[in-house]
C-alpha atoms as a PDB file:
ATOM      1  CA  MET A   1     110.174  99.712 115.367  1.00  0.00           C
ATOM      2  CA  SER A   2     110.813  96.183 114.067  1.00  0.00           C
ATOM      3  CA  GLU A   3     107.112  95.935 113.177  1.00  0.00           C
ATOM      4  CA  GLU A   4     107.511  98.878 110.777  1.00  0.00           C
ATOM      5  CA  VAL A   5     110.531  97.206 109.185  1.00  0.00           C
ATOM      6  CA  ASP A   6     108.496  93.991 108.597  1.00  0.00           C
ATOM      7  CA  ARG A   7     105.625  95.890 106.985  1.00  0.00           C
ATOM      8  CA  LYS A   8     105.473  95.967 103.224  1.00  0.00           C
ATOM      9  CA  PRO A   9     102.813  97.434 100.935  1.00  0.00           C
ATOM     10  CA  LEU A  10     100.256  94.791  99.992  1.00  0.00           C
ATOM     11  CA  ARG A  11      97.617  94.686  97.297  1.00  0.00           C
ATOM     12  CA  MET A  12      94.339  95.705  98.923  1.00  0.00           C
ATOM     13  CA  PRO A  13      90.834  94.976  97.605  1.00  0.00           C
ATOM     14  CA  LYS A  14      89.632  97.259  94.855  1.00  0.00           C
ATOM     15  CA  GLU A  15      85.957  98.043  94.378  1.00  0.00           C
ATOM     16  CA  GLY A  16      84.011  94.804  94.032  1.00  0.00           C
ATOM     17  CA  GLU A  17      86.786  92.616  95.508  1.00  0.00           C
ATOM     18  CA  LEU A  18      86.954  91.063  98.966  1.00  0.00           C
ATOM     19  CA  PHE A  19      89.193  88.845 101.062  1.00  0.00           C
ATOM     20  CA  ALA A  20      88.463  85.115 101.060  1.00  0.00           C
ATOM     21  CA  VAL A  21      89.971  81.909 102.416  1.00  0.00           C
ATOM     22  CA  VAL A  22      90.202  78.744 100.315  1.00  0.00           C
ATOM     23  CA  THR A  23      88.343  75.985 102.190  1.00  0.00           C
ATOM     24  CA  SER A  24      88.755  73.127  99.687  1.00  0.00           C
ATOM     25  CA  HIS A  25      89.886  72.167  96.188  1.00  0.00           C
ATOM     26  CA  LEU A  26      87.103  70.956  93.919  1.00  0.00           C
ATOM     27  CA  GLY A  27      89.275  69.833  91.039  1.00  0.00           C
ATOM     28  CA  GLY A  28      90.344  71.509  87.838  1.00  0.00           C
ATOM     29  CA  ASN A  29      90.404  75.239  88.282  1.00  0.00           C
ATOM     30  CA  HIS A  30      87.700  75.452  90.976  1.00  0.00           C
ATOM     31  CA  VAL A  31      87.942  75.947  94.734  1.00  0.00           C
ATOM     32  CA  GLN A  32      85.474  76.558  97.552  1.00  0.00           C
ATOM     33  CA  LEU A  33      85.853  80.012  99.188  1.00  0.00           C
ATOM     34  CA  ARG A  34      84.704  81.476 102.497  1.00  0.00           C
ATOM     35  CA  CYS A  35      84.456  85.187 101.779  1.00  0.00           C
ATOM     36  CA  ALA A  36      84.814  88.085 104.221  1.00  0.00           C
ATOM     37  CA  ASP A  37      81.117  88.951 103.807  1.00  0.00           C
ATOM     38  CA  GLY A  38      80.202  85.527 105.252  1.00  0.00           C
ATOM     39  CA  VAL A  39      79.118  83.945 101.957  1.00  0.00           C
ATOM     40  CA  GLU A  40      80.474  80.597 100.690  1.00  0.00           C
ATOM     41  CA  ARG A  41      81.295  80.890  96.995  1.00  0.00           C
ATOM     42  CA  LEU A  42      82.603  78.701  94.208  1.00  0.00           C
ATOM     43  CA  GLY A  43      85.938  80.238  93.188  1.00  0.00           C
ATOM     44  CA  ARG A  44      87.420  80.006  89.711  1.00  0.00           C
ATOM     45  CA  ILE A  45      91.173  80.200  89.174  1.00  0.00           C
ATOM     46  CA  PRO A  46      91.701  82.186  85.947  1.00  0.00           C
ATOM     47  CA  GLY A  47      94.032  80.941  83.222  1.00  0.00           C
ATOM     48  CA  ARG A  48      96.623  83.665  83.918  1.00  0.00           C
ATOM     49  CA  MET A  49      97.125  82.200  87.427  1.00  0.00           C
ATOM     50  CA  ARG A  50      96.512  78.504  86.807  1.00  0.00           C
ATOM     51  CA  PHE A  51     100.069  77.284  86.242  1.00  0.00           C
ATOM     52  CA  ARG A  52     102.029  80.162  87.798  1.00  0.00           C
ATOM     53  CA  THR A  53     100.372  80.439  91.196  1.00  0.00           C
ATOM     54  CA  TRP A  54      99.590  77.338  93.239  1.00  0.00           C
ATOM     55  CA  ILE A  55      96.530  77.854  95.401  1.00  0.00           C
ATOM     56  CA  GLU A  56      96.212  75.564  98.422  1.00  0.00           C
ATOM     57  CA  GLU A  57      93.642  75.111 101.187  1.00  0.00           C
ATOM     58  CA  ASP A  58      93.714  77.860 103.846  1.00  0.00           C
ATOM     59  CA  ASP A  59      95.341  80.360 101.450  1.00  0.00           C
ATOM     60  CA  VAL A  60      94.111  83.931 101.722  1.00  0.00           C
ATOM     61  CA  VAL A  61      93.041  85.322  98.349  1.00  0.00           C
ATOM     62  CA  LEU A  62      91.278  88.307  96.839  1.00  0.00           C
ATOM     63  CA  ALA A  63      88.066  87.285  95.097  1.00  0.00           C
ATOM     64  CA  GLU A  64      85.739  89.238  92.868  1.00  0.00           C
ATOM     65  CA  PRO A  65      82.120  87.967  93.050  1.00  0.00           C
ATOM     66  CA  TRP A  66      80.370  87.734  89.713  1.00  0.00           C
ATOM     67  CA  ASP A  67      77.747  90.411  89.026  1.00  0.00           C
ATOM     68  CA  TRP A  68      75.365  87.937  87.403  1.00  0.00           C
ATOM     69  CA  GLN A  69      75.886  84.995  89.831  1.00  0.00           C
ATOM     70  CA  ASP A  70      76.740  86.080  93.363  1.00  0.00           C
ATOM     71  CA  GLU A  71      77.459  82.506  94.502  1.00  0.00           C
ATOM     72  CA  LYS A  72      80.533  82.402  92.229  1.00  0.00           C
ATOM     73  CA  ALA A  73      83.744  84.452  92.181  1.00  0.00           C
ATOM     74  CA  THR A  74      86.983  84.819  90.275  1.00  0.00           C
ATOM     75  CA  ILE A  75      90.237  84.721  92.229  1.00  0.00           C
ATOM     76  CA  GLU A  76      92.251  87.854  91.486  1.00  0.00           C
ATOM     77  CA  TRP A  77      95.248  87.549  93.843  1.00  0.00           C
ATOM     78  CA  ARG A  78      96.867  85.084  96.269  1.00  0.00           C
ATOM     79  CA  TYR A  79      98.729  86.241  99.372  1.00  0.00           C
ATOM     80  CA  THR A  80     101.791  84.422 100.677  1.00  0.00           C
ATOM     81  CA  GLY A  81     101.684  83.128 104.245  1.00  0.00           C
ATOM     82  CA  GLN A  82     103.805  86.058 105.429  1.00  0.00           C
ATOM     83  CA  ASP A  83     101.516  88.577 103.690  1.00  0.00           C
ATOM     84  CA  ALA A  84      98.436  86.912 105.217  1.00  0.00           C
ATOM     85  CA  GLU A  85     100.004  87.230 108.680  1.00  0.00           C
ATOM     86  CA  GLN A  86     100.603  90.931 108.063  1.00  0.00           C
ATOM     87  CA  LEU A  87      96.931  91.346 107.047  1.00  0.00           C
ATOM     88  CA  ARG A  88      95.856  89.599 110.279  1.00  0.00           C
ATOM     89  CA  ARG A  89      98.165  91.784 112.412  1.00  0.00           C
ATOM     90  CA  GLU A  90      96.776  94.936 110.805  1.00  0.00           C
ATOM     91  CA  GLY A  91      93.185  93.766 111.354  1.00  0.00           C
ATOM     92  CA  HIS A  92      92.126  93.453 107.710  1.00  0.00           C
ATOM     93  CA  ILE A  93      91.207  89.761 108.090  1.00  0.00           C
ATOM     94  CA  ASN A  94      90.469  87.386 110.985  1.00  0.00           C
END
């Protein structure tokens, strides 16, 4: 019962988005991502997130790979540590 109390609705991937983990900061607004599909991508932090949301190594994020360059992606959402734990418990991420 306490597990149900701890559960809150989280933003899930929309079409074209996938879970990713930040593996390193590359400077500026770029990070290295390890995506759920097994591909390493260069992630770009968009301007709307740049100064409001701090993205650190090992953060779980939602990334949208670019249609025209699959090795790059835009970060769409960052999960808090507590939200990432909930995703792991529910089996959405490893």
